[in-house]
Every structure is written in C-alpha cells, then in structure tokens.
Protein backbone atom coordinates (compact mmCIF):
# COMPACT_ATOMS: atom_id res chain seq x y z
CA MET A 1 16.30 121.55 43.47
CA LYS A 2 15.39 122.09 39.82
CA THR A 3 16.94 118.75 38.89
CA ARG A 4 14.95 116.99 41.59
CA PHE A 5 11.70 118.66 40.43
CA GLY A 6 12.49 117.75 36.81
CA LEU A 7 13.13 114.15 37.81
CA VAL A 8 9.84 113.92 39.76
CA PHE A 9 7.95 115.52 36.85
CA ALA A 10 9.54 113.09 34.36
CA LEU A 11 8.64 110.13 36.59
CA ILE A 12 5.01 111.23 36.97
CA PHE A 13 4.73 111.93 33.24
CA THR A 14 6.11 108.45 32.45
CA LEU A 15 3.67 106.80 34.85
CA ILE A 16 0.73 108.65 33.31
CA LEU A 17 1.77 107.64 29.79
CA SER A 18 2.26 104.01 30.72
CA ALA A 19 -1.13 103.93 32.45
CA CYS A 20 -2.79 105.32 29.32
CA GLY A 21 -1.25 102.65 27.14
CA LYS A 22 -2.37 99.78 29.35
CA LYS A 23 -5.98 98.97 28.63
CA GLU A 24 -7.53 96.34 30.81
CA ILE A 25 -10.97 94.90 31.23
CA GLU A 26 -12.50 95.96 34.51
CA ASN A 27 -13.47 93.05 36.80
CA ALA A 28 -12.09 90.53 34.32
CA VAL A 29 -12.22 86.81 34.99
CA ASN A 30 -10.05 84.21 33.30
CA TRP A 31 -12.12 81.06 32.91
CA PRO A 32 -10.69 78.64 30.33
CA ILE A 33 -13.29 77.04 28.07
CA LYS A 34 -13.01 73.28 27.79
CA ASP A 35 -12.88 71.81 24.31
CA PHE A 36 -16.18 70.89 22.71
CA SER A 37 -17.48 69.21 19.60
CA ALA A 38 -20.66 70.64 18.12
CA THR A 39 -22.64 70.98 14.91
CA THR A 40 -23.38 74.38 13.38
CA GLN A 41 -26.64 75.55 11.85
CA GLN A 42 -24.98 74.70 8.51
CA ASN A 43 -24.55 71.10 9.70
CA LYS A 44 -20.76 71.50 9.91
CA SER A 45 -18.52 70.33 12.73
CA MET A 46 -17.15 72.98 15.08
CA GLY A 47 -14.94 72.94 18.16
CA LEU A 48 -12.94 75.30 20.32
CA LYS A 49 -9.99 75.11 17.90
CA ASP A 50 -12.17 76.77 15.22
CA LEU A 51 -12.54 79.85 17.46
CA LYS A 52 -8.92 80.13 18.61
CA GLY A 53 -7.37 83.40 17.48
CA LYS A 54 -10.76 85.14 17.49
CA VAL A 55 -12.56 87.26 20.05
CA TRP A 56 -16.11 86.01 20.50
CA VAL A 57 -19.29 86.65 22.45
CA SER A 58 -21.51 83.72 23.39
CA ALA A 59 -24.88 82.99 24.93
CA PHE A 60 -27.04 80.00 25.84
CA ILE A 61 -30.45 79.88 24.13
CA PHE A 62 -33.05 77.45 22.78
CA THR A 63 -35.59 77.93 20.03
CA SER A 64 -38.75 76.92 21.91
CA CYS A 65 -37.94 79.26 24.81
CA ALA A 66 -41.10 81.04 25.94
CA ASP A 67 -39.57 84.05 27.67
CA VAL A 68 -35.90 85.17 27.80
CA CYS A 69 -34.34 83.74 24.61
CA PRO A 70 -36.20 85.89 22.04
CA PRO A 71 -35.12 89.17 23.69
CA MET A 72 -31.59 87.80 24.25
CA THR A 73 -31.32 86.88 20.57
CA SER A 74 -32.68 90.31 19.56
CA ASN A 75 -30.05 91.89 21.82
CA MET A 76 -27.33 89.82 20.12
CA VAL A 77 -28.61 91.10 16.73
CA LYS A 78 -28.23 94.66 18.09
CA LEU A 79 -24.72 93.83 19.29
CA GLN A 80 -23.89 92.39 15.87
CA LYS A 81 -25.02 95.65 14.20
CA LYS A 82 -22.97 97.72 16.66
CA LEU A 83 -19.89 95.57 15.94
CA LYS A 84 -20.31 96.34 12.23
CA GLU A 85 -20.74 100.06 12.96
CA GLU A 86 -17.48 99.97 14.94
CA ASN A 87 -15.79 98.08 12.09
CA LEU A 88 -14.96 95.13 14.38
CA LYS A 89 -14.97 92.49 11.66
CA ASP A 90 -13.14 89.62 13.33
CA VAL A 91 -15.53 89.19 16.26
CA GLU A 92 -17.63 86.03 16.26
CA LEU A 93 -20.98 85.47 17.95
CA VAL A 94 -21.77 81.97 19.20
CA SER A 95 -25.11 80.73 20.52
CA PHE A 96 -25.11 77.35 22.24
CA SER A 97 -28.46 75.56 22.20
CA VAL A 98 -29.42 74.22 25.62
CA ASP A 99 -32.05 71.95 24.01
CA PRO A 100 -30.01 70.02 21.41
CA THR A 101 -32.55 67.27 20.73
CA VAL A 102 -35.13 69.84 19.57
CA ASP A 103 -32.71 72.37 18.05
CA THR A 104 -31.49 70.66 14.90
CA PRO A 105 -29.34 72.63 12.44
CA GLU A 106 -32.48 73.29 10.34
CA VAL A 107 -34.45 74.55 13.34
CA LEU A 108 -31.56 76.81 14.37
CA THR A 109 -31.27 78.22 10.83
CA ARG A 110 -34.98 79.11 10.81
CA TYR A 111 -34.64 80.67 14.27
CA ALA A 112 -31.61 82.76 13.21
CA LYS A 113 -33.39 84.01 10.08
CA GLN A 114 -36.49 84.88 12.10
CA PHE A 115 -34.37 87.36 14.10
CA GLY A 116 -32.37 88.67 11.14
CA ALA A 117 -29.07 87.26 12.41
CA ASP A 118 -26.19 87.65 9.97
CA LEU A 119 -24.70 84.15 9.83
CA ASP A 120 -21.40 85.38 8.37
CA ASN A 121 -20.02 85.81 11.89
CA TRP A 122 -22.72 84.23 14.06
CA THR A 123 -22.85 80.48 14.66
CA PHE A 124 -25.65 78.58 16.35
CA LEU A 125 -24.47 75.29 17.88
CA THR A 126 -26.12 71.95 18.62
CA GLY A 127 -25.23 68.30 18.03
CA TYR A 128 -24.18 67.34 21.55
CA SER A 129 -26.08 65.57 24.33
CA GLN A 130 -28.19 67.29 26.98
CA GLU A 131 -25.82 65.87 29.58
CA PHE A 132 -22.84 67.41 27.77
CA ILE A 133 -24.28 70.96 27.52
CA GLU A 134 -25.32 70.95 31.18
CA LYS A 135 -21.83 69.90 32.34
CA PHE A 136 -20.03 72.11 29.78
CA ALA A 137 -22.05 75.19 30.83
CA MET A 138 -21.18 74.64 34.49
CA ASP A 139 -17.53 73.65 34.00
CA SER A 140 -16.54 76.35 31.50
CA PHE A 141 -19.10 79.16 31.83
CA LYS A 142 -19.92 78.76 35.55
CA THR A 143 -23.62 78.78 34.68
CA ILE A 144 -26.61 76.52 35.20
CA VAL A 145 -28.32 74.67 32.36
CA LYS A 146 -30.96 72.09 33.34
CA LYS A 147 -33.72 70.47 31.34
CA PRO A 148 -36.50 69.37 33.70
CA VAL A 149 -38.06 65.93 33.30
CA GLU A 150 -41.49 67.56 32.78
CA GLY A 151 -42.17 70.27 30.20
CA ASN A 152 -40.08 71.72 27.39
CA GLN A 153 -38.58 74.82 29.03
CA VAL A 154 -34.86 74.51 29.81
CA ILE A 155 -33.54 76.38 32.85
CA HIS A 156 -30.58 78.63 31.99
CA GLN A 157 -29.15 82.05 32.80
CA THR A 158 -29.21 85.09 30.54
CA TYR A 159 -25.59 86.20 30.38
CA LEU A 160 -23.43 87.13 27.43
CA TYR A 161 -19.84 85.92 27.71
CA LEU A 162 -16.82 87.68 26.23
CA VAL A 163 -14.11 85.20 25.19
CA ASP A 164 -10.54 86.13 24.28
CA LYS A 165 -8.43 84.79 21.40
CA LYS A 166 -7.02 82.00 23.58
CA GLY A 167 -10.45 80.65 24.54
CA ASN A 168 -10.72 82.19 28.02
CA ILE A 169 -13.88 83.86 29.25
CA LYS A 170 -12.92 87.40 30.27
CA LYS A 171 -16.24 88.89 31.37
CA THR A 172 -19.98 88.31 31.68
CA TYR A 173 -22.76 90.82 30.94
CA SER A 174 -26.52 90.94 31.10
CA GLY A 175 -27.87 89.62 27.83
CA TYR A 176 -31.54 90.06 28.66
CA LYS A 177 -32.22 93.54 30.06
CA ASN A 178 -30.07 96.68 30.13
CA VAL A 179 -27.38 95.14 27.92
CA PRO A 180 -24.21 97.27 28.33
CA TYR A 181 -23.39 97.48 24.60
CA GLU A 182 -20.82 100.25 24.97
CA GLU A 183 -18.97 98.37 27.70
CA ILE A 184 -18.96 95.16 25.62
CA ILE A 185 -17.64 97.02 22.55
CA ASN A 186 -14.90 98.72 24.62
CA ASP A 187 -13.89 95.41 26.21
CA ILE A 188 -13.77 93.76 22.77
CA LYS A 189 -11.47 96.56 21.55
CA THR A 190 -9.20 95.87 24.52
CA LEU A 191 -8.87 92.25 23.40
CA GLU A 192 -8.39 92.99 19.68
C-alpha cells in the first residue's frame, strides 16, 4: 500500500513539475507572415528575413490618421518603455504604414520623433504599394486595410500583433484602449 501511495505521489509530483516548466501563450494562433519588401524610416530596405530570429510586436498606422493612430503609437511607446524596464532587449517593434504614398521615410521619422519613439528597436515601414499593404494585411495578419477613393483616412483595425522568432503571429491584443501590457510582456517572455 505504501509503495502504491508513493508511486501515485511521485507521478502527481512529476506532472505538476512538468506543467510548471511548460509555458504557453493562452489562445495562441499560428499565422505565418508572408515575405515582404519595405523601406524603413531610415530609407533602408527591410524584409521578413531581417526579423527572423527576433520576437516582435507590430501594428498598422498612418501619420495623417485623425483618431486611433496617435493613441496606438503612444501605447507602443509605453510598451517600449515597459520592455526596457523588463530588460527585454531583443524585442523589435514594427509599425506598417497603411498610407505608403503619404508616409515617406522622412514623414515617418518626424512622426516617430513626435511620439518619442526609440528607433533603436522600433522600425516604421513604407515603400510598398497601397494594393500590397491591403492584401498583405489580410493574408498575413487577418485584418482589414482599405484606403477609400474619397478622403485621406485609411480604414484599418487597432490590434497589436505578437510575432515569434520564426515569423508567425502568435497573438493579437488591443492596441487602442485597455492595452494588456502585462499579458503582452508575459507572452513575449514565453517566446524568448
């Protein structure tokens, strides 16, 4: 009887230990990002290969946005500060412009500086066609980007996307209101 009890106890203890060691992202997705070719705010070429091996968080914004982009960018600045506080140095932030004809590298640089973005680990991307970013957003990020024929306001959603080292989107979060910073940081640590 004692041997049986000891065996059961050892089995339970082993299961508990193995569960503690296995960290997983809750409600994770696994959406592969298609390759892309873009231009950074520093007028340098960038593609998916340049982000391989890094964990990154991305968003879709544009500089003449009248409503959601300024708070989203401010929230990314807060996330960037929290990453530094947590000593997570190898995490990149990537903002894709959804209005590439307006958002030149120079315009994106001014925009980034206006918000106090640290460009050491935050890249703002442009240099592709409107058609490309609309298709890329839908195919890889499962999100809508649409520039109407009239007006200058591009339709897009306000999510932040966590991407793993292999270039797969693992999770989406609100990037506009009630940003779950702690959850994002914990999920990033899981992928590190």
